[in-house]
Amino acid sequence: MRYLHRLQTKDIALNYSMIPLGSCTMKLNAASEMLPITWPGFNKIHPFVPLEQVPGYIYMINNIIRWLKAITKFDGFSL
């Protein structure tokens, strides 16, 4: 929740500009849905780790991309 609050403070406020981007989704995400991003085994992976050491991440990312393509009918996604 602190992470989301930090993101919210970087957002554009209504009294200064236009409708802030992402404000609705940040308010609707439940704390229990955000819990996995606090797990050290999930969020502490080094960005340059060799791909053969992260097959679970590759599987998860490919599934998310496949689902998003099926839902939106877009050609591709970058995560």
PDB file of N, CA and C in Angstrom:
ATOM      1  N   MET A   1       0.820  -1.190   0.000  1.00  0.00           N
ATOM      2  CA  MET A   1       0.000   0.000   0.000  1.00  0.00           C
ATOM      3  C   MET A   1       0.872   1.265   0.000  1.00  0.00           C
ATOM      4  N   ARG A   2       2.017   1.183   0.656  1.00  0.00           N
ATOM      5  CA  ARG A   2       2.915   2.342   0.645  1.00  0.00           C
ATOM      6  C   ARG A   2       3.414   2.619  -0.769  1.00  0.00           C
ATOM      7  N   TYR A   3       3.704   1.545  -1.503  1.00  0.00           N
ATOM      8  CA  TYR A   3       4.141   1.682  -2.891  1.00  0.00           C
ATOM      9  C   TYR A   3       3.068   2.407  -3.707  1.00  0.00           C
ATOM     10  N   LEU A   4       1.813   2.001  -3.547  1.00  0.00           N
ATOM     11  CA  LEU A   4       0.729   2.638  -4.280  1.00  0.00           C
ATOM     12  C   LEU A   4       0.567   4.097  -3.875  1.00  0.00           C
ATOM     13  N   HIS A   5       0.761   4.380  -2.592  1.00  0.00           N
ATOM     14  CA  HIS A   5       0.659   5.759  -2.132  1.00  0.00           C
ATOM     15  C   HIS A   5       1.752   6.613  -2.774  1.00  0.00           C
ATOM     16  N   ARG A   6       2.984   6.048  -2.870  1.00  0.00           N
ATOM     17  CA  ARG A   6       4.060   6.781  -3.524  1.00  0.00           C
ATOM     18  C   ARG A   6       3.719   7.057  -4.993  1.00  0.00           C
ATOM     19  N   LEU A   7       3.117   6.068  -5.669  1.00  0.00           N
ATOM     20  CA  LEU A   7       2.699   6.287  -7.047  1.00  0.00           C
ATOM     21  C   LEU A   7       1.625   7.366  -7.134  1.00  0.00           C
ATOM     22  N   GLN A   8       0.708   7.350  -6.189  1.00  0.00           N
ATOM     23  CA  GLN A   8      -0.379   8.327  -6.178  1.00  0.00           C
ATOM     24  C   GLN A   8       0.162   9.741  -6.018  1.00  0.00           C
ATOM     25  N   THR A   9       1.173   9.914  -5.184  1.00  0.00           N
ATOM     26  CA  THR A   9       1.719  11.256  -4.977  1.00  0.00           C
ATOM     27  C   THR A   9       2.441  11.775  -6.216  1.00  0.00           C
ATOM     28  N   LYS A  10       2.875  10.868  -7.108  1.00  0.00           N
ATOM     29  CA  LYS A  10       3.520  11.288  -8.350  1.00  0.00           C
ATOM     30  C   LYS A  10       2.510  11.576  -9.454  1.00  0.00           C
ATOM     31  N   ASP A  11       1.263  11.228  -9.223  1.00  0.00           N
ATOM     32  CA  ASP A  11       0.222  11.385 -10.224  1.00  0.00           C
ATOM     33  C   ASP A  11      -0.193  12.850 -10.358  1.00  0.00           C
ATOM     34  N   ILE A  12      -0.812  13.167 -11.474  1.00  0.00           N
ATOM     35  CA  ILE A  12      -1.312  14.524 -11.702  1.00  0.00           C
ATOM     36  C   ILE A  12      -2.623  14.688 -10.929  1.00  0.00           C
ATOM     37  N   ALA A  13      -2.771  15.764 -10.177  1.00  0.00           N
ATOM     38  CA  ALA A  13      -3.967  15.989  -9.375  1.00  0.00           C
ATOM     39  C   ALA A  13      -5.009  16.760 -10.177  1.00  0.00           C
ATOM     40  N   LEU A  14      -6.278  16.522  -9.855  1.00  0.00           N
ATOM     41  CA  LEU A  14      -7.378  17.206 -10.547  1.00  0.00           C
ATOM     42  C   LEU A  14      -7.310  18.721 -10.389  1.00  0.00           C
ATOM     43  N   ASN A  15      -6.910  19.189  -9.222  1.00  0.00           N
ATOM     44  CA  ASN A  15      -6.887  20.630  -8.995  1.00  0.00           C
ATOM     45  C   ASN A  15      -5.715  21.324  -9.695  1.00  0.00           C
ATOM     46  N   TYR A  16      -4.800  20.564 -10.275  1.00  0.00           N
ATOM     47  CA  TYR A  16      -3.684  21.154 -11.008  1.00  0.00           C
ATOM     48  C   TYR A  16      -3.756  20.907 -12.508  1.00  0.00           C
ATOM     49  N   SER A  17      -4.448  19.843 -12.919  1.00  0.00           N
ATOM     50  CA  SER A  17      -4.443  19.513 -14.342  1.00  0.00           C
ATOM     51  C   SER A  17      -5.668  18.690 -14.692  1.00  0.00           C
ATOM     52  N   MET A  18      -5.468  17.647 -15.474  1.00  0.00           N
ATOM     53  CA  MET A  18      -6.570  16.811 -15.938  1.00  0.00           C
ATOM     54  C   MET A  18      -6.865  15.686 -14.943  1.00  0.00           C
ATOM     55  N   ILE A  19      -7.766  14.794 -15.290  1.00  0.00           N
ATOM     56  CA  ILE A  19      -8.081  13.645 -14.438  1.00  0.00           C
ATOM     57  C   ILE A  19      -6.834  12.787 -14.306  1.00  0.00           C
ATOM     58  N   PRO A  20      -6.423  12.429 -13.099  1.00  0.00           N
ATOM     59  CA  PRO A  20      -5.188  11.666 -12.916  1.00  0.00           C
ATOM     60  C   PRO A  20      -5.292  10.266 -13.504  1.00  0.00           C
ATOM     61  N   LEU A  21      -4.260   9.866 -14.199  1.00  0.00           N
ATOM     62  CA  LEU A  21      -4.244   8.550 -14.814  1.00  0.00           C
ATOM     63  C   LEU A  21      -4.040   7.466 -13.768  1.00  0.00           C
ATOM     64  N   GLY A  22      -4.841   6.432 -13.807  1.00  0.00           N
ATOM     65  CA  GLY A  22      -4.687   5.304 -12.907  1.00  0.00           C
ATOM     66  C   GLY A  22      -5.256   5.496 -11.528  1.00  0.00           C
ATOM     67  N   SER A  23      -5.878   6.622 -11.248  1.00  0.00           N
ATOM     68  CA  SER A  23      -6.340   6.871  -9.885  1.00  0.00           C
ATOM     69  C   SER A  23      -7.435   5.890  -9.473  1.00  0.00           C
ATOM     70  N   CYS A  24      -8.312   5.528 -10.391  1.00  0.00           N
ATOM     71  CA  CYS A  24      -9.403   4.618 -10.040  1.00  0.00           C
ATOM     72  C   CYS A  24      -8.880   3.226  -9.716  1.00  0.00           C
ATOM     73  N   THR A  25      -7.977   2.725 -10.549  1.00  0.00           N
ATOM     74  CA  THR A  25      -7.486   1.369 -10.321  1.00  0.00           C
ATOM     75  C   THR A  25      -6.657   1.280  -9.049  1.00  0.00           C
ATOM     76  N   MET A  26      -5.932   2.337  -8.718  1.00  0.00           N
ATOM     77  CA  MET A  26      -5.140   2.297  -7.496  1.00  0.00           C
ATOM     78  C   MET A  26      -6.028   2.214  -6.258  1.00  0.00           C
ATOM     79  N   LYS A  27      -7.182   2.851  -6.307  1.00  0.00           N
ATOM     80  CA  LYS A  27      -8.083   2.821  -5.161  1.00  0.00           C
ATOM     81  C   LYS A  27      -8.800   1.479  -5.051  1.00  0.00           C
ATOM     82  N   LEU A  28      -9.010   0.808  -6.174  1.00  0.00           N
ATOM     83  CA  LEU A  28      -9.789  -0.423  -6.163  1.00  0.00           C
ATOM     84  C   LEU A  28      -8.965  -1.670  -5.880  1.00  0.00           C
ATOM     85  N   ASN A  29      -7.649  -1.598  -5.972  1.00  0.00           N
ATOM     86  CA  ASN A  29      -6.833  -2.776  -5.697  1.00  0.00           C
ATOM     87  C   ASN A  29      -6.839  -3.064  -4.198  1.00  0.00           C
ATOM     88  N   ALA A  30      -7.284  -4.251  -3.861  1.00  0.00           N
ATOM     89  CA  ALA A  30      -7.323  -4.638  -2.446  1.00  0.00           C
ATOM     90  C   ALA A  30      -5.915  -4.945  -1.949  1.00  0.00           C
ATOM     91  N   ALA A  31      -5.711  -4.745  -0.661  1.00  0.00           N
ATOM     92  CA  ALA A  31      -4.401  -5.014  -0.069  1.00  0.00           C
ATOM     93  C   ALA A  31      -4.007  -6.472  -0.251  1.00  0.00           C
ATOM     94  N   SER A  32      -4.966  -7.376  -0.193  1.00  0.00           N
ATOM     95  CA  SER A  32      -4.645  -8.799  -0.351  1.00  0.00           C
ATOM     96  C   SER A  32      -4.171  -9.116  -1.768  1.00  0.00           C
ATOM     97  N   GLU A  33      -4.626  -8.360  -2.749  1.00  0.00           N
ATOM     98  CA  GLU A  33      -4.167  -8.567  -4.116  1.00  0.00           C
ATOM     99  C   GLU A  33      -2.744  -8.050  -4.309  1.00  0.00           C
ATOM    100  N   MET A  34      -2.339  -7.113  -3.481  1.00  0.00           N
ATOM    101  CA  MET A  34      -1.015  -6.529  -3.597  1.00  0.00           C
ATOM    102  C   MET A  34       0.035  -7.287  -2.780  1.00  0.00           C
ATOM    103  N   LEU A  35      -0.387  -8.200  -1.937  1.00  0.00           N
ATOM    104  CA  LEU A  35       0.533  -8.926  -1.057  1.00  0.00           C
ATOM    105  C   LEU A  35       1.638  -9.664  -1.810  1.00  0.00           C
ATOM    106  N   PRO A  36       1.364 -10.373  -2.904  1.00  0.00           N
ATOM    107  CA  PRO A  36       2.442 -11.110  -3.574  1.00  0.00           C
ATOM    108  C   PRO A  36       3.607 -10.246  -4.038  1.00  0.00           C
ATOM    109  N   ILE A  37       3.388  -8.982  -4.350  1.00  0.00           N
ATOM    110  CA  ILE A  37       4.522  -8.168  -4.795  1.00  0.00           C
ATOM    111  C   ILE A  37       5.458  -7.820  -3.644  1.00  0.00           C
ATOM    112  N   THR A  38       5.083  -8.136  -2.420  1.00  0.00           N
ATOM    113  CA  THR A  38       5.972  -7.901  -1.276  1.00  0.00           C
ATOM    114  C   THR A  38       6.815  -9.118  -0.945  1.00  0.00           C
ATOM    115  N   TRP A  39       6.557 -10.265  -1.560  1.00  0.00           N
ATOM    116  CA  TRP A  39       7.321 -11.483  -1.279  1.00  0.00           C
ATOM    117  C   TRP A  39       8.735 -11.351  -1.850  1.00  0.00           C
ATOM    118  N   PRO A  40       9.762 -11.523  -1.010  1.00  0.00           N
ATOM    119  CA  PRO A  40      11.136 -11.378  -1.493  1.00  0.00           C
ATOM    120  C   PRO A  40      11.464 -12.313  -2.662  1.00  0.00           C
ATOM    121  N   GLY A  41      10.928 -13.514  -2.655  1.00  0.00           N
ATOM    122  CA  GLY A  41      11.202 -14.438  -3.746  1.00  0.00           C
ATOM    123  C   GLY A  41      10.578 -14.024  -5.061  1.00  0.00           C
ATOM    124  N   PHE A  42       9.641 -13.109  -5.004  1.00  0.00           N
ATOM    125  CA  PHE A  42       8.955 -12.652  -6.206  1.00  0.00           C
ATOM    126  C   PHE A  42       9.480 -11.305  -6.685  1.00  0.00           C
ATOM    127  N   ASN A  43       9.706 -10.386  -5.768  1.00  0.00           N
ATOM    128  CA  ASN A  43      10.053  -9.028  -6.199  1.00  0.00           C
ATOM    129  C   ASN A  43      11.541  -8.708  -6.110  1.00  0.00           C
ATOM    130  N   LYS A  44      12.359  -9.633  -5.657  1.00  0.00           N
ATOM    131  CA  LYS A  44      13.785  -9.345  -5.517  1.00  0.00           C
ATOM    132  C   LYS A  44      14.623  -9.987  -6.621  1.00  0.00           C
ATOM    133  N   ILE A  45      13.983 -10.394  -7.713  1.00  0.00           N
ATOM    134  CA  ILE A  45      14.721 -11.012  -8.804  1.00  0.00           C
ATOM    135  C   ILE A  45      15.558  -9.944  -9.513  1.00  0.00           C
ATOM    136  N   HIS A  46      16.796 -10.274  -9.826  1.00  0.00           N
ATOM    137  CA  HIS A  46      17.683  -9.329 -10.507  1.00  0.00           C
ATOM    138  C   HIS A  46      17.221  -9.162 -11.952  1.00  0.00           C
ATOM    139  N   PRO A  47      17.205  -7.943 -12.468  1.00  0.00           N
ATOM    140  CA  PRO A  47      16.692  -7.730 -13.832  1.00  0.00           C
ATOM    141  C   PRO A  47      17.509  -8.406 -14.925  1.00  0.00           C
ATOM    142  N   PHE A  48      18.773  -8.734 -14.661  1.00  0.00           N
ATOM    143  CA  PHE A  48      19.621  -9.348 -15.680  1.00  0.00           C
ATOM    144  C   PHE A  48      19.911 -10.817 -15.393  1.00  0.00           C
ATOM    145  N   VAL A  49      19.062 -11.474 -14.617  1.00  0.00           N
ATOM    146  CA  VAL A  49      19.263 -12.883 -14.313  1.00  0.00           C
ATOM    147  C   VAL A  49      19.148 -13.686 -15.614  1.00  0.00           C
ATOM    148  N   PRO A  50      19.969 -14.734 -15.793  1.00  0.00           N
ATOM    149  CA  PRO A  50      19.864 -15.553 -17.007  1.00  0.00           C
ATOM    150  C   PRO A  50      18.477 -16.199 -17.121  1.00  0.00           C
ATOM    151  N   LEU A  51      17.948 -16.261 -18.336  1.00  0.00           N
ATOM    152  CA  LEU A  51      16.597 -16.768 -18.564  1.00  0.00           C
ATOM    153  C   LEU A  51      16.422 -18.214 -18.105  1.00  0.00           C
ATOM    154  N   GLU A  52      17.479 -19.025 -18.185  1.00  0.00           N
ATOM    155  CA  GLU A  52      17.344 -20.425 -17.759  1.00  0.00           C
ATOM    156  C   GLU A  52      17.161 -20.563 -16.244  1.00  0.00           C
ATOM    157  N   GLN A  53      17.378 -19.489 -15.499  1.00  0.00           N
ATOM    158  CA  GLN A  53      17.197 -19.524 -14.047  1.00  0.00           C
ATOM    159  C   GLN A  53      15.815 -19.041 -13.611  1.00  0.00           C
ATOM    160  N   VAL A  54      14.992 -18.595 -14.543  1.00  0.00           N
ATOM    161  CA  VAL A  54      13.676 -18.063 -14.191  1.00  0.00           C
ATOM    162  C   VAL A  54      12.554 -18.646 -15.063  1.00  0.00           C
ATOM    163  N   PRO A  55      12.458 -19.970 -15.169  1.00  0.00           N
ATOM    164  CA  PRO A  55      11.417 -20.538 -16.036  1.00  0.00           C
ATOM    165  C   PRO A  55      10.003 -20.209 -15.551  1.00  0.00           C
ATOM    166  N   GLY A  56       9.814 -20.080 -14.241  1.00  0.00           N
ATOM    167  CA  GLY A  56       8.504 -19.735 -13.706  1.00  0.00           C
ATOM    168  C   GLY A  56       8.055 -18.345 -14.120  1.00  0.00           C
ATOM    169  N   TYR A  57       8.987 -17.394 -14.100  1.00  0.00           N
ATOM    170  CA  TYR A  57       8.674 -16.036 -14.535  1.00  0.00           C
ATOM    171  C   TYR A  57       8.317 -16.013 -16.016  1.00  0.00           C
ATOM    172  N   ILE A  58       9.103 -16.735 -16.823  1.00  0.00           N
ATOM    173  CA  ILE A  58       8.853 -16.782 -18.264  1.00  0.00           C
ATOM    174  C   ILE A  58       7.473 -17.370 -18.536  1.00  0.00           C
ATOM    175  N   TYR A  59       7.136 -18.447 -17.842  1.00  0.00           N
ATOM    176  CA  TYR A  59       5.822 -19.078 -18.000  1.00  0.00           C
ATOM    177  C   TYR A  59       4.703 -18.093 -17.630  1.00  0.00           C
ATOM    178  N   MET A  60       4.865 -17.421 -16.493  1.00  0.00           N
ATOM    179  CA  MET A  60       3.855 -16.476 -16.023  1.00  0.00           C
ATOM    180  C   MET A  60       3.691 -15.305 -17.000  1.00  0.00           C
ATOM    181  N   ILE A  61       4.790 -14.738 -17.439  1.00  0.00           N
ATOM    182  CA  ILE A  61       4.744 -13.588 -18.342  1.00  0.00           C
ATOM    183  C   ILE A  61       4.120 -13.981 -19.679  1.00  0.00           C
ATOM    184  N   ASN A  62       4.498 -15.142 -20.211  1.00  0.00           N
ATOM    185  CA  ASN A  62       3.926 -15.588 -21.483  1.00  0.00           C
ATOM    186  C   ASN A  62       2.430 -15.832 -21.361  1.00  0.00           C
ATOM    187  N   ASN A  63       1.981 -16.382 -20.226  1.00  0.00           N
ATOM    188  CA  ASN A  63       0.546 -16.577 -20.018  1.00  0.00           C
ATOM    189  C   ASN A  63      -0.199 -15.249 -19.952  1.00  0.00           C
ATOM    190  N   ILE A  64       0.359 -14.290 -19.234  1.00  0.00           N
ATOM    191  CA  ILE A  64      -0.282 -12.978 -19.129  1.00  0.00           C
ATOM    192  C   ILE A  64      -0.388 -12.328 -20.501  1.00  0.00           C
ATOM    193  N   ILE A  65       0.691 -12.412 -21.293  1.00  0.00           N
ATOM    194  CA  ILE A  65       0.666 -11.835 -22.637  1.00  0.00           C
ATOM    195  C   ILE A  65      -0.386 -12.531 -23.494  1.00  0.00           C
ATOM    196  N   ARG A  66      -0.445 -13.866 -23.428  1.00  0.00           N
ATOM    197  CA  ARG A  66      -1.430 -14.620 -24.209  1.00  0.00           C
ATOM    198  C   ARG A  66      -2.849 -14.229 -23.812  1.00  0.00           C
ATOM    199  N   TRP A  67      -3.105 -14.117 -22.510  1.00  0.00           N
ATOM    200  CA  TRP A  67      -4.447 -13.741 -22.035  1.00  0.00           C
ATOM    201  C   TRP A  67      -4.811 -12.323 -22.492  1.00  0.00           C
ATOM    202  N   LEU A  68      -3.880 -11.385 -22.355  1.00  0.00           N
ATOM    203  CA  LEU A  68      -4.157 -10.008 -22.755  1.00  0.00           C
ATOM    204  C   LEU A  68      -4.423  -9.901 -24.253  1.00  0.00           C
ATOM    205  N   LYS A  69      -3.665 -10.663 -25.053  1.00  0.00           N
ATOM    206  CA  LYS A  69      -3.893 -10.651 -26.494  1.00  0.00           C
ATOM    207  C   LYS A  69      -5.269 -11.211 -26.828  1.00  0.00           C
ATOM    208  N   ALA A  70      -5.689 -12.261 -26.130  1.00  0.00           N
ATOM    209  CA  ALA A  70      -7.006 -12.857 -26.383  1.00  0.00           C
ATOM    210  C   ALA A  70      -8.129 -11.912 -25.963  1.00  0.00           C
ATOM    211  N   ILE A  71      -7.940 -11.212 -24.853  1.00  0.00           N
ATOM    212  CA  ILE A  71      -8.977 -10.321 -24.343  1.00  0.00           C
ATOM    213  C   ILE A  71      -9.100  -9.057 -25.197  1.00  0.00           C
ATOM    214  N   THR A  72      -7.969  -8.455 -25.548  1.00  0.00           N
ATOM    215  CA  THR A  72      -7.976  -7.159 -26.215  1.00  0.00           C
ATOM    216  C   THR A  72      -7.897  -7.237 -27.733  1.00  0.00           C
ATOM    217  N   LYS A  73      -7.479  -8.382 -28.250  1.00  0.00           N
ATOM    218  CA  LYS A  73      -7.260  -8.578 -29.693  1.00  0.00           C
ATOM    219  C   LYS A  73      -6.102  -7.730 -30.214  1.00  0.00           C
ATOM    220  N   PHE A  74      -5.210  -7.264 -29.310  1.00  0.00           N
ATOM    221  CA  PHE A  74      -4.016  -6.578 -29.747  1.00  0.00           C
ATOM    222  C   PHE A  74      -3.024  -7.597 -30.291  1.00  0.00           C
ATOM    223  N   ASP A  75      -2.065  -7.147 -31.107  1.00  0.00           N
ATOM    224  CA  ASP A  75      -1.072  -8.046 -31.682  1.00  0.00           C
ATOM    225  C   ASP A  75      -0.005  -8.466 -30.678  1.00  0.00           C
ATOM    226  N   GLY A  76       0.294  -7.621 -29.714  1.00  0.00           N
ATOM    227  CA  GLY A  76       1.340  -7.954 -28.758  1.00  0.00           C
ATOM    228  C   GLY A  76       1.359  -7.006 -27.587  1.00  0.00           C
ATOM    229  N   PHE A  77       2.172  -7.376 -26.582  1.00  0.00           N
ATOM    230  CA  PHE A  77       2.318  -6.581 -25.362  1.00  0.00           C
ATOM    231  C   PHE A  77       3.766  -6.579 -24.926  1.00  0.00           C
ATOM    232  N   SER A  78       4.163  -5.564 -24.216  1.00  0.00           N
ATOM    233  CA  SER A  78       5.490  -5.480 -23.626  1.00  0.00           C
ATOM    234  C   SER A  78       5.301  -5.348 -22.114  1.00  0.00           C
ATOM    235  N   LEU A  79       5.858  -6.285 -21.379  1.00  0.00           N
ATOM    236  CA  LEU A  79       5.727  -6.250 -19.921  1.00  0.00           C
ATOM    237  C   LEU A  79       7.078  -5.975 -19.289  1.00  0.00           C
TER     238      LEU A  79
END
